[in-house]
Amino acid sequence: MSIYCNIFSPLQHKTSKTGDMILLDSKEGEIGVLEGHMSLIVELKAGKVKILSNKTIIEEIDIKEALAYIKSDKVDILEVL
């Protein structure tokens, strides 16, 4: 099982990666997103988005405050100014 993650800033497309799990730091707490997750829109605080594969972090991306749109097969993250 895998989930796709896109991260955009207002000026550029930062990254697109696939992993088994995406870890997000929301304003309400940490969210672990797996394939099949229910649809959700959440505010993220500045920090790191972690992409995991086989329980190992394969990439950490620094983000500013952002909005995350979670669907069952992908997470789209848009940083806000």
N, C-alpha and C. Protein backbone atom coordinates (compact mmCIF):
# COMPACT_ATOMS: atom_id res chain seq x y z
N MET A 1 0.85 -1.18 0.00
CA MET A 1 0.00 0.00 0.00
C MET A 1 0.89 1.24 0.00
N SER A 2 0.48 2.25 -0.77
CA SER A 2 1.26 3.48 -0.80
C SER A 2 0.34 4.68 -0.97
N ILE A 3 0.87 5.84 -0.60
CA ILE A 3 0.14 7.09 -0.71
C ILE A 3 1.08 8.12 -1.33
N TYR A 4 0.53 8.99 -2.15
CA TYR A 4 1.28 9.98 -2.90
C TYR A 4 1.19 11.33 -2.21
N CYS A 5 2.28 12.09 -2.16
CA CYS A 5 2.31 13.39 -1.50
C CYS A 5 2.86 14.45 -2.45
N ASN A 6 2.11 15.53 -2.63
CA ASN A 6 2.54 16.70 -3.41
C ASN A 6 2.64 17.87 -2.46
N ILE A 7 3.73 18.64 -2.57
CA ILE A 7 3.88 19.85 -1.75
C ILE A 7 4.14 21.03 -2.68
N PHE A 8 3.32 22.06 -2.52
CA PHE A 8 3.41 23.26 -3.35
C PHE A 8 3.60 24.49 -2.46
N SER A 9 4.45 25.40 -2.89
CA SER A 9 4.49 26.73 -2.29
C SER A 9 3.81 27.65 -3.30
N PRO A 10 3.52 28.89 -2.95
CA PRO A 10 2.86 29.77 -3.92
C PRO A 10 3.69 30.00 -5.20
N LEU A 11 5.00 29.78 -5.11
CA LEU A 11 5.87 30.08 -6.25
C LEU A 11 6.40 28.85 -6.98
N GLN A 12 6.30 27.67 -6.36
CA GLN A 12 6.90 26.50 -7.01
C GLN A 12 6.28 25.20 -6.51
N HIS A 13 6.51 24.15 -7.27
CA HIS A 13 6.16 22.80 -6.86
C HIS A 13 7.39 22.27 -6.13
N LYS A 14 7.28 22.01 -4.82
CA LYS A 14 8.46 21.63 -4.03
C LYS A 14 8.85 20.18 -4.21
N THR A 15 7.87 19.27 -4.16
CA THR A 15 8.20 17.85 -4.28
C THR A 15 6.96 17.01 -4.54
N SER A 16 7.19 15.84 -5.09
CA SER A 16 6.18 14.79 -5.23
C SER A 16 6.87 13.49 -4.85
N LYS A 17 6.33 12.80 -3.88
CA LYS A 17 6.92 11.55 -3.41
C LYS A 17 5.83 10.54 -3.08
N THR A 18 6.19 9.28 -3.13
CA THR A 18 5.29 8.20 -2.73
C THR A 18 5.91 7.49 -1.53
N GLY A 19 5.06 7.17 -0.56
CA GLY A 19 5.52 6.44 0.61
C GLY A 19 4.40 5.59 1.17
N ASP A 20 4.70 4.87 2.23
CA ASP A 20 3.68 4.05 2.89
C ASP A 20 2.85 4.88 3.86
N MET A 21 3.46 5.97 4.38
CA MET A 21 2.78 6.81 5.37
C MET A 21 3.33 8.23 5.27
N ILE A 22 2.44 9.21 5.47
CA ILE A 22 2.82 10.62 5.50
C ILE A 22 2.51 11.12 6.92
N LEU A 23 3.49 11.74 7.57
CA LEU A 23 3.28 12.31 8.91
C LEU A 23 3.20 13.83 8.78
N LEU A 24 2.11 14.39 9.31
CA LEU A 24 1.84 15.82 9.23
C LEU A 24 1.70 16.41 10.62
N ASP A 25 2.25 17.61 10.83
CA ASP A 25 2.07 18.32 12.10
C ASP A 25 0.95 19.33 11.94
N SER A 26 -0.25 18.93 12.34
CA SER A 26 -1.39 19.84 12.23
C SER A 26 -1.46 20.72 13.47
N LYS A 27 -2.29 21.73 13.41
CA LYS A 27 -2.45 22.61 14.56
C LYS A 27 -3.13 21.89 15.72
N GLU A 28 -3.79 20.76 15.45
CA GLU A 28 -4.44 19.96 16.49
C GLU A 28 -3.57 18.82 16.99
N GLY A 29 -2.45 18.55 16.33
CA GLY A 29 -1.58 17.44 16.71
C GLY A 29 -1.07 16.71 15.48
N GLU A 30 -0.28 15.67 15.69
CA GLU A 30 0.31 14.93 14.57
C GLU A 30 -0.72 13.99 13.94
N ILE A 31 -0.69 13.92 12.61
CA ILE A 31 -1.59 13.04 11.86
C ILE A 31 -0.73 12.10 11.02
N GLY A 32 -0.99 10.82 11.13
CA GLY A 32 -0.37 9.82 10.27
C GLY A 32 -1.37 9.41 9.20
N VAL A 33 -0.99 9.59 7.94
CA VAL A 33 -1.91 9.32 6.83
C VAL A 33 -1.45 8.07 6.07
N LEU A 34 -2.33 7.08 6.02
CA LEU A 34 -2.10 5.85 5.27
C LEU A 34 -3.05 5.81 4.08
N GLU A 35 -2.77 4.95 3.11
CA GLU A 35 -3.69 4.76 2.00
C GLU A 35 -5.06 4.36 2.54
N GLY A 36 -6.11 4.96 2.00
CA GLY A 36 -7.47 4.66 2.44
C GLY A 36 -7.98 5.62 3.50
N HIS A 37 -7.17 6.61 3.88
CA HIS A 37 -7.57 7.59 4.89
C HIS A 37 -8.81 8.33 4.41
N MET A 38 -9.69 8.71 5.32
CA MET A 38 -10.88 9.47 4.94
C MET A 38 -10.47 10.86 4.46
N SER A 39 -11.28 11.46 3.61
CA SER A 39 -11.00 12.81 3.10
C SER A 39 -11.06 13.81 4.24
N LEU A 40 -10.12 14.77 4.21
CA LEU A 40 -9.98 15.71 5.31
C LEU A 40 -9.20 16.92 4.82
N ILE A 41 -9.57 18.09 5.29
CA ILE A 41 -8.79 19.30 5.07
C ILE A 41 -8.32 19.75 6.43
N VAL A 42 -7.01 20.01 6.57
CA VAL A 42 -6.45 20.33 7.88
C VAL A 42 -5.40 21.43 7.73
N GLU A 43 -5.32 22.28 8.77
CA GLU A 43 -4.29 23.33 8.83
C GLU A 43 -3.02 22.73 9.42
N LEU A 44 -1.89 23.00 8.77
CA LEU A 44 -0.61 22.52 9.26
C LEU A 44 0.19 23.68 9.82
N LYS A 45 0.94 23.41 10.87
CA LYS A 45 1.84 24.43 11.41
C LYS A 45 3.19 24.29 10.72
N ALA A 46 4.00 25.33 10.81
CA ALA A 46 5.34 25.28 10.23
C ALA A 46 6.12 24.13 10.86
N GLY A 47 6.85 23.41 10.05
CA GLY A 47 7.61 22.27 10.55
C GLY A 47 8.05 21.37 9.42
N LYS A 48 7.98 20.08 9.66
CA LYS A 48 8.43 19.10 8.67
C LYS A 48 7.30 18.14 8.30
N VAL A 49 7.23 17.83 7.02
CA VAL A 49 6.38 16.75 6.53
C VAL A 49 7.32 15.55 6.38
N LYS A 50 6.94 14.42 6.97
CA LYS A 50 7.79 13.23 6.91
C LYS A 50 7.12 12.17 6.05
N ILE A 51 7.89 11.64 5.10
CA ILE A 51 7.40 10.58 4.23
C ILE A 51 8.13 9.29 4.61
N LEU A 52 7.36 8.26 4.94
CA LEU A 52 7.94 7.00 5.41
C LEU A 52 7.69 5.88 4.42
N SER A 53 8.64 4.97 4.36
CA SER A 53 8.51 3.74 3.59
C SER A 53 9.14 2.62 4.43
N ASN A 54 8.44 1.53 4.59
CA ASN A 54 8.92 0.42 5.43
C ASN A 54 9.33 0.89 6.83
N LYS A 55 8.49 1.77 7.41
CA LYS A 55 8.68 2.30 8.77
C LYS A 55 9.95 3.14 8.93
N THR A 56 10.53 3.59 7.81
CA THR A 56 11.73 4.41 7.83
C THR A 56 11.45 5.73 7.12
N ILE A 57 11.89 6.84 7.71
CA ILE A 57 11.70 8.14 7.07
C ILE A 57 12.60 8.21 5.83
N ILE A 58 12.00 8.40 4.66
CA ILE A 58 12.79 8.49 3.43
C ILE A 58 12.99 9.94 3.01
N GLU A 59 12.14 10.84 3.51
CA GLU A 59 12.33 12.26 3.21
C GLU A 59 11.61 13.11 4.25
N GLU A 60 12.24 14.23 4.61
CA GLU A 60 11.64 15.24 5.48
C GLU A 60 11.69 16.55 4.72
N ILE A 61 10.54 17.21 4.58
CA ILE A 61 10.45 18.46 3.83
C ILE A 61 10.01 19.56 4.78
N ASP A 62 10.79 20.63 4.85
CA ASP A 62 10.42 21.79 5.66
C ASP A 62 9.29 22.54 4.97
N ILE A 63 8.28 22.90 5.76
CA ILE A 63 7.18 23.70 5.22
C ILE A 63 6.87 24.86 6.16
N LYS A 64 6.26 25.89 5.59
CA LYS A 64 5.70 26.98 6.37
C LYS A 64 4.28 26.56 6.73
N GLU A 65 3.52 27.44 7.35
CA GLU A 65 2.12 27.10 7.60
C GLU A 65 1.47 26.73 6.28
N ALA A 66 0.56 25.76 6.32
CA ALA A 66 0.00 25.23 5.08
C ALA A 66 -1.39 24.64 5.32
N LEU A 67 -2.04 24.33 4.22
CA LEU A 67 -3.29 23.56 4.23
C LEU A 67 -3.01 22.22 3.57
N ALA A 68 -3.52 21.16 4.15
CA ALA A 68 -3.37 19.82 3.58
C ALA A 68 -4.75 19.30 3.20
N TYR A 69 -4.86 18.82 1.96
CA TYR A 69 -6.08 18.19 1.47
C TYR A 69 -5.78 16.70 1.36
N ILE A 70 -6.35 15.92 2.25
CA ILE A 70 -6.09 14.49 2.32
C ILE A 70 -7.21 13.74 1.61
N LYS A 71 -6.82 12.84 0.70
CA LYS A 71 -7.77 11.94 0.05
C LYS A 71 -7.29 10.51 0.29
N SER A 72 -8.03 9.55 -0.14
CA SER A 72 -7.70 8.15 0.17
C SER A 72 -6.38 7.69 -0.44
N ASP A 73 -5.94 8.34 -1.52
CA ASP A 73 -4.72 7.88 -2.19
C ASP A 73 -3.63 8.94 -2.31
N LYS A 74 -3.90 10.18 -1.80
CA LYS A 74 -2.87 11.21 -1.89
C LYS A 74 -3.11 12.33 -0.89
N VAL A 75 -2.03 13.09 -0.66
CA VAL A 75 -2.07 14.27 0.19
C VAL A 75 -1.50 15.43 -0.62
N ASP A 76 -2.28 16.48 -0.78
CA ASP A 76 -1.82 17.71 -1.44
C ASP A 76 -1.64 18.76 -0.37
N ILE A 77 -0.45 19.37 -0.34
CA ILE A 77 -0.13 20.38 0.68
C ILE A 77 0.19 21.69 -0.03
N LEU A 78 -0.49 22.76 0.38
CA LEU A 78 -0.27 24.08 -0.20
C LEU A 78 0.15 25.03 0.91
N GLU A 79 1.40 25.49 0.83
CA GLU A 79 1.88 26.47 1.81
C GLU A 79 1.16 27.80 1.61
N VAL A 80 0.92 28.49 2.70
CA VAL A 80 0.27 29.80 2.62
C VAL A 80 1.31 30.87 2.90
N LEU A 81 1.06 32.07 2.42
CA LEU A 81 2.00 33.18 2.62
C LEU A 81 1.86 33.77 4.00
